[in-house]
Amino acid sequence: MIWVSVLIFVAFLTACGQILFKFAAMEDAPFVKKFVDVRFILGVVLFLVCPVLTIFALKHIEYSRYYATTALNYVFVICGSRFALKERVDLKKLIGIILILIGLFFYML
C-alpha cells in the first residue's frame, strides 16, 4: 500500500510541475527568459524526480495499478488550476473528477 501512496504522490507532483509550467508560460517575458524562471526550473526538477520515484514503486506493484494511478493527474491538475490559477471548474469537470475517483476506488480494491 505504501507504494500506491508513492504513486499518488507522484501524480500530485506531476500536476504541480504542470501548474508551475503554466505560471512560467503566463509570465510576460521573452520566450528564452522563461527557461530561467524559477517556476519553470522547479517544474523541471519535479518532472525529473517523478520517474525516479515511479521506478522504485514499480519494483513493488503491478504495472496496471501504476497506470491506474496516473488518472489522478487529471484530478490534481483540475484542483490545482482551480485553486492556484483561479480557473473555473464546471459541472462536467466535477462529474469527471467524481467518476475518476469512483473508478479508481473500485479498481484498487
N, C-alpha and C. Protein backbone atom coordinates (compact mmCIF):
# COMPACT_ATOMS: atom_id res chain seq x y z
N MET A 1 0.82 -1.20 0.00
CA MET A 1 0.00 0.00 0.00
C MET A 1 0.86 1.26 0.00
N ILE A 2 2.04 1.18 0.62
CA ILE A 2 2.91 2.36 0.65
C ILE A 2 3.31 2.78 -0.76
N TRP A 3 3.51 1.80 -1.64
CA TRP A 3 3.95 2.12 -2.99
C TRP A 3 2.83 2.75 -3.81
N VAL A 4 1.59 2.38 -3.55
CA VAL A 4 0.47 3.06 -4.18
C VAL A 4 0.43 4.51 -3.70
N SER A 5 0.70 4.72 -2.42
CA SER A 5 0.76 6.09 -1.88
C SER A 5 1.86 6.89 -2.56
N VAL A 6 2.99 6.25 -2.81
CA VAL A 6 4.08 6.92 -3.52
C VAL A 6 3.62 7.33 -4.92
N LEU A 7 2.89 6.46 -5.59
CA LEU A 7 2.42 6.78 -6.95
C LEU A 7 1.37 7.88 -6.93
N ILE A 8 0.55 7.93 -5.90
CA ILE A 8 -0.40 9.03 -5.75
C ILE A 8 0.37 10.34 -5.56
N PHE A 9 1.42 10.28 -4.76
CA PHE A 9 2.27 11.45 -4.56
C PHE A 9 2.94 11.87 -5.87
N VAL A 10 3.37 10.90 -6.67
CA VAL A 10 3.97 11.20 -7.97
C VAL A 10 2.96 11.92 -8.87
N ALA A 11 1.71 11.45 -8.86
CA ALA A 11 0.67 12.12 -9.66
C ALA A 11 0.49 13.56 -9.19
N PHE A 12 0.53 13.77 -7.87
CA PHE A 12 0.42 15.12 -7.32
C PHE A 12 1.59 16.00 -7.75
N LEU A 13 2.81 15.45 -7.66
CA LEU A 13 4.00 16.21 -8.06
C LEU A 13 3.98 16.54 -9.55
N THR A 14 3.50 15.60 -10.36
CA THR A 14 3.39 15.84 -11.80
C THR A 14 2.44 17.00 -12.07
N ALA A 15 1.31 17.00 -11.40
CA ALA A 15 0.34 18.09 -11.56
C ALA A 15 0.95 19.42 -11.10
N CYS A 16 1.69 19.39 -10.01
CA CYS A 16 2.35 20.62 -9.53
C CYS A 16 3.34 21.13 -10.57
N GLY A 17 4.10 20.23 -11.18
CA GLY A 17 5.04 20.63 -12.22
C GLY A 17 4.33 21.25 -13.41
N GLN A 18 3.20 20.68 -13.80
CA GLN A 18 2.45 21.23 -14.92
C GLN A 18 1.91 22.62 -14.59
N ILE A 19 1.45 22.80 -13.38
CA ILE A 19 0.93 24.11 -12.97
C ILE A 19 2.06 25.14 -12.90
N LEU A 20 3.23 24.70 -12.44
CA LEU A 20 4.39 25.60 -12.43
C LEU A 20 4.76 26.02 -13.86
N PHE A 21 4.68 25.08 -14.81
CA PHE A 21 4.93 25.42 -16.21
C PHE A 21 3.93 26.45 -16.71
N LYS A 22 2.67 26.30 -16.31
CA LYS A 22 1.65 27.26 -16.71
C LYS A 22 1.98 28.65 -16.17
N PHE A 23 2.38 28.73 -14.90
CA PHE A 23 2.78 30.02 -14.33
C PHE A 23 3.94 30.63 -15.11
N ALA A 24 4.93 29.81 -15.45
CA ALA A 24 6.07 30.31 -16.21
C ALA A 24 5.64 30.78 -17.60
N ALA A 25 4.72 30.06 -18.21
CA ALA A 25 4.23 30.42 -19.54
C ALA A 25 3.46 31.73 -19.51
N MET A 26 2.76 32.01 -18.41
CA MET A 26 1.96 33.22 -18.31
C MET A 26 2.82 34.46 -18.04
N GLU A 27 4.05 34.26 -17.65
CA GLU A 27 4.95 35.38 -17.36
C GLU A 27 5.16 36.23 -18.61
N ASP A 28 5.04 37.52 -18.44
CA ASP A 28 5.23 38.45 -19.56
C ASP A 28 6.73 38.71 -19.72
N ALA A 29 7.38 37.78 -20.38
CA ALA A 29 8.83 37.88 -20.58
C ALA A 29 9.16 37.25 -21.93
N PRO A 30 10.32 37.57 -22.48
CA PRO A 30 10.73 36.92 -23.73
C PRO A 30 10.77 35.40 -23.55
N PHE A 31 10.50 34.70 -24.63
CA PHE A 31 10.41 33.24 -24.58
C PHE A 31 11.65 32.60 -23.97
N VAL A 32 12.81 33.02 -24.35
CA VAL A 32 14.06 32.43 -23.84
C VAL A 32 14.20 32.66 -22.34
N LYS A 33 13.77 33.82 -21.86
CA LYS A 33 13.89 34.14 -20.44
C LYS A 33 13.00 33.24 -19.57
N LYS A 34 11.96 32.68 -20.15
CA LYS A 34 11.07 31.79 -19.39
C LYS A 34 11.79 30.53 -18.93
N PHE A 35 12.85 30.15 -19.64
CA PHE A 35 13.59 28.94 -19.28
C PHE A 35 14.44 29.11 -18.02
N VAL A 36 14.68 30.33 -17.59
CA VAL A 36 15.42 30.57 -16.36
C VAL A 36 14.49 31.03 -15.23
N ASP A 37 13.20 31.04 -15.50
CA ASP A 37 12.21 31.37 -14.48
C ASP A 37 12.24 30.28 -13.41
N VAL A 38 12.22 30.68 -12.14
CA VAL A 38 12.32 29.72 -11.04
C VAL A 38 11.16 28.71 -11.07
N ARG A 39 9.99 29.13 -11.51
CA ARG A 39 8.86 28.21 -11.59
C ARG A 39 9.08 27.15 -12.66
N PHE A 40 9.66 27.55 -13.77
CA PHE A 40 9.97 26.60 -14.82
C PHE A 40 11.01 25.59 -14.34
N ILE A 41 12.06 26.10 -13.71
CA ILE A 41 13.14 25.22 -13.22
C ILE A 41 12.60 24.25 -12.17
N LEU A 42 11.76 24.74 -11.26
CA LEU A 42 11.17 23.85 -10.26
C LEU A 42 10.28 22.80 -10.91
N GLY A 43 9.54 23.19 -11.94
CA GLY A 43 8.72 22.22 -12.68
C GLY A 43 9.57 21.14 -13.31
N VAL A 44 10.71 21.53 -13.88
CA VAL A 44 11.62 20.55 -14.47
C VAL A 44 12.16 19.60 -13.40
N VAL A 45 12.52 20.15 -12.24
CA VAL A 45 13.02 19.31 -11.14
C VAL A 45 11.96 18.28 -10.75
N LEU A 46 10.71 18.72 -10.63
CA LEU A 46 9.64 17.78 -10.29
C LEU A 46 9.49 16.71 -11.36
N PHE A 47 9.61 17.11 -12.62
CA PHE A 47 9.49 16.15 -13.71
C PHE A 47 10.67 15.17 -13.75
N LEU A 48 11.80 15.53 -13.15
CA LEU A 48 12.93 14.61 -13.05
C LEU A 48 12.82 13.69 -11.85
N VAL A 49 12.21 14.17 -10.77
CA VAL A 49 12.05 13.37 -9.56
C VAL A 49 10.98 12.29 -9.75
N CYS A 50 9.93 12.63 -10.45
CA CYS A 50 8.79 11.71 -10.59
C CYS A 50 9.15 10.35 -11.21
N PRO A 51 9.91 10.31 -12.30
CA PRO A 51 10.27 8.99 -12.84
C PRO A 51 11.11 8.15 -11.88
N VAL A 52 11.95 8.80 -11.10
CA VAL A 52 12.77 8.06 -10.13
C VAL A 52 11.88 7.40 -9.09
N LEU A 53 10.94 8.16 -8.54
CA LEU A 53 10.01 7.60 -7.57
C LEU A 53 9.15 6.50 -8.19
N THR A 54 8.76 6.71 -9.44
CA THR A 54 7.94 5.71 -10.13
C THR A 54 8.71 4.40 -10.29
N ILE A 55 9.98 4.48 -10.64
CA ILE A 55 10.78 3.26 -10.82
C ILE A 55 10.87 2.48 -9.51
N PHE A 56 11.07 3.18 -8.40
CA PHE A 56 11.10 2.49 -7.11
C PHE A 56 9.77 1.80 -6.82
N ALA A 57 8.69 2.48 -7.10
CA ALA A 57 7.36 1.91 -6.82
C ALA A 57 7.06 0.73 -7.74
N LEU A 58 7.48 0.83 -9.00
CA LEU A 58 7.18 -0.24 -9.96
C LEU A 58 7.85 -1.55 -9.60
N LYS A 59 8.90 -1.49 -8.79
CA LYS A 59 9.54 -2.73 -8.33
C LYS A 59 8.61 -3.51 -7.41
N HIS A 60 7.61 -2.85 -6.85
CA HIS A 60 6.81 -3.46 -5.79
C HIS A 60 5.33 -3.63 -6.12
N ILE A 61 4.86 -3.06 -7.22
CA ILE A 61 3.44 -3.19 -7.55
C ILE A 61 3.28 -3.55 -9.02
N GLU A 62 2.06 -3.99 -9.36
CA GLU A 62 1.75 -4.33 -10.74
C GLU A 62 1.68 -3.06 -11.59
N TYR A 63 2.08 -3.22 -12.84
CA TYR A 63 2.08 -2.07 -13.75
C TYR A 63 0.67 -1.53 -13.95
N SER A 64 -0.31 -2.40 -13.98
CA SER A 64 -1.69 -1.94 -14.19
C SER A 64 -2.15 -1.04 -13.04
N ARG A 65 -1.70 -1.31 -11.84
CA ARG A 65 -2.03 -0.42 -10.71
C ARG A 65 -1.35 0.93 -10.86
N TYR A 66 -0.11 0.90 -11.33
CA TYR A 66 0.57 2.17 -11.58
C TYR A 66 -0.20 2.99 -12.60
N TYR A 67 -0.52 2.36 -13.70
CA TYR A 67 -1.16 3.11 -14.78
C TYR A 67 -2.50 3.68 -14.35
N ALA A 68 -3.22 2.98 -13.49
CA ALA A 68 -4.50 3.49 -12.99
C ALA A 68 -4.29 4.75 -12.15
N THR A 69 -3.21 4.79 -11.39
CA THR A 69 -2.98 5.98 -10.54
C THR A 69 -2.66 7.22 -11.36
N THR A 70 -2.22 7.04 -12.60
CA THR A 70 -1.92 8.21 -13.43
C THR A 70 -3.19 9.01 -13.74
N ALA A 71 -4.36 8.39 -13.61
CA ALA A 71 -5.62 9.11 -13.82
C ALA A 71 -5.79 10.23 -12.79
N LEU A 72 -5.12 10.09 -11.67
CA LEU A 72 -5.20 11.14 -10.65
C LEU A 72 -4.56 12.44 -11.11
N ASN A 73 -3.70 12.37 -12.13
CA ASN A 73 -3.13 13.60 -12.67
C ASN A 73 -4.24 14.56 -13.09
N TYR A 74 -5.29 14.02 -13.73
CA TYR A 74 -6.42 14.86 -14.15
C TYR A 74 -7.07 15.53 -12.95
N VAL A 75 -7.27 14.77 -11.90
CA VAL A 75 -7.91 15.30 -10.69
C VAL A 75 -7.05 16.40 -10.08
N PHE A 76 -5.77 16.13 -9.92
CA PHE A 76 -4.88 17.10 -9.29
C PHE A 76 -4.70 18.36 -10.15
N VAL A 77 -4.64 18.19 -11.47
CA VAL A 77 -4.49 19.37 -12.34
C VAL A 77 -5.74 20.24 -12.27
N ILE A 78 -6.91 19.63 -12.31
CA ILE A 78 -8.15 20.42 -12.24
C ILE A 78 -8.25 21.14 -10.90
N CYS A 79 -7.96 20.43 -9.82
CA CYS A 79 -8.00 21.07 -8.49
C CYS A 79 -6.94 22.17 -8.39
N GLY A 80 -5.74 21.89 -8.88
CA GLY A 80 -4.67 22.89 -8.83
C GLY A 80 -4.97 24.10 -9.69
N SER A 81 -5.56 23.88 -10.86
CA SER A 81 -5.88 25.01 -11.71
C SER A 81 -6.99 25.85 -11.09
N ARG A 82 -7.86 25.22 -10.34
CA ARG A 82 -8.92 25.96 -9.66
C ARG A 82 -8.35 26.83 -8.55
N PHE A 83 -7.50 26.25 -7.71
CA PHE A 83 -7.00 26.98 -6.54
C PHE A 83 -5.79 27.86 -6.84
N ALA A 84 -4.87 27.39 -7.67
CA ALA A 84 -3.66 28.17 -7.94
C ALA A 84 -3.86 29.17 -9.07
N LEU A 85 -4.61 28.77 -10.09
CA LEU A 85 -4.77 29.63 -11.26
C LEU A 85 -6.13 30.32 -11.32
N LYS A 86 -6.98 30.00 -10.35
CA LYS A 86 -8.33 30.60 -10.27
C LYS A 86 -9.17 30.31 -11.51
N GLU A 87 -8.95 29.13 -12.12
CA GLU A 87 -9.75 28.74 -13.27
C GLU A 87 -11.10 28.18 -12.80
N ARG A 88 -12.07 28.25 -13.67
CA ARG A 88 -13.42 27.80 -13.37
C ARG A 88 -13.50 26.27 -13.52
N VAL A 89 -14.17 25.63 -12.59
CA VAL A 89 -14.44 24.19 -12.68
C VAL A 89 -15.94 24.04 -12.89
N ASP A 90 -16.31 23.62 -14.10
CA ASP A 90 -17.72 23.49 -14.39
C ASP A 90 -18.24 22.11 -13.98
N LEU A 91 -19.52 21.90 -14.17
CA LEU A 91 -20.17 20.67 -13.74
C LEU A 91 -19.59 19.45 -14.44
N LYS A 92 -19.26 19.56 -15.73
CA LYS A 92 -18.69 18.42 -16.46
C LYS A 92 -17.36 17.98 -15.86
N LYS A 93 -16.53 18.95 -15.51
CA LYS A 93 -15.24 18.60 -14.90
C LYS A 93 -15.44 17.97 -13.53
N LEU A 94 -16.37 18.51 -12.77
CA LEU A 94 -16.66 17.96 -11.45
C LEU A 94 -17.16 16.52 -11.55
N ILE A 95 -18.05 16.27 -12.48
CA ILE A 95 -18.55 14.90 -12.70
C ILE A 95 -17.40 14.00 -13.14
N GLY A 96 -16.53 14.50 -13.99
CA GLY A 96 -15.37 13.72 -14.43
C GLY A 96 -14.46 13.35 -13.27
N ILE A 97 -14.21 14.29 -12.37
CA ILE A 97 -13.39 14.02 -11.19
C ILE A 97 -14.04 12.93 -10.34
N ILE A 98 -15.32 13.06 -10.11
CA ILE A 98 -16.04 12.07 -9.29
C ILE A 98 -15.97 10.69 -9.94
N LEU A 99 -16.17 10.61 -11.24
CA LEU A 99 -16.11 9.32 -11.93
C LEU A 99 -14.72 8.71 -11.88
N ILE A 100 -13.70 9.53 -12.02
CA ILE A 100 -12.32 9.02 -11.91
C ILE A 100 -12.08 8.45 -10.53
N LEU A 101 -12.49 9.18 -9.50
CA LEU A 101 -12.26 8.72 -8.12
C LEU A 101 -13.05 7.44 -7.82
N ILE A 102 -14.28 7.36 -8.30
CA ILE A 102 -15.08 6.14 -8.10
C ILE A 102 -14.43 4.98 -8.84
N GLY A 103 -14.01 5.22 -10.08
CA GLY A 103 -13.36 4.16 -10.85
C GLY A 103 -12.09 3.67 -10.19
N LEU A 104 -11.27 4.59 -9.69
CA LEU A 104 -10.03 4.19 -9.01
C LEU A 104 -10.32 3.41 -7.73
N PHE A 105 -11.34 3.84 -7.00
CA PHE A 105 -11.70 3.14 -5.79
C PHE A 105 -12.00 1.67 -6.08
N PHE A 106 -12.85 1.43 -7.08
CA PHE A 106 -13.21 0.05 -7.40
C PHE A 106 -12.06 -0.72 -8.03
N TYR A 107 -11.24 -0.04 -8.82
CA TYR A 107 -10.12 -0.69 -9.47
C TYR A 107 -9.07 -1.15 -8.46
N MET A 108 -8.86 -0.35 -7.44
CA MET A 108 -7.81 -0.63 -6.46
C MET A 108 -8.24 -1.60 -5.36
N LEU A 109 -9.50 -1.95 -5.32
CA LEU A 109 -9.96 -2.90 -4.28
C LEU A 109 -9.26 -4.23 -4.37
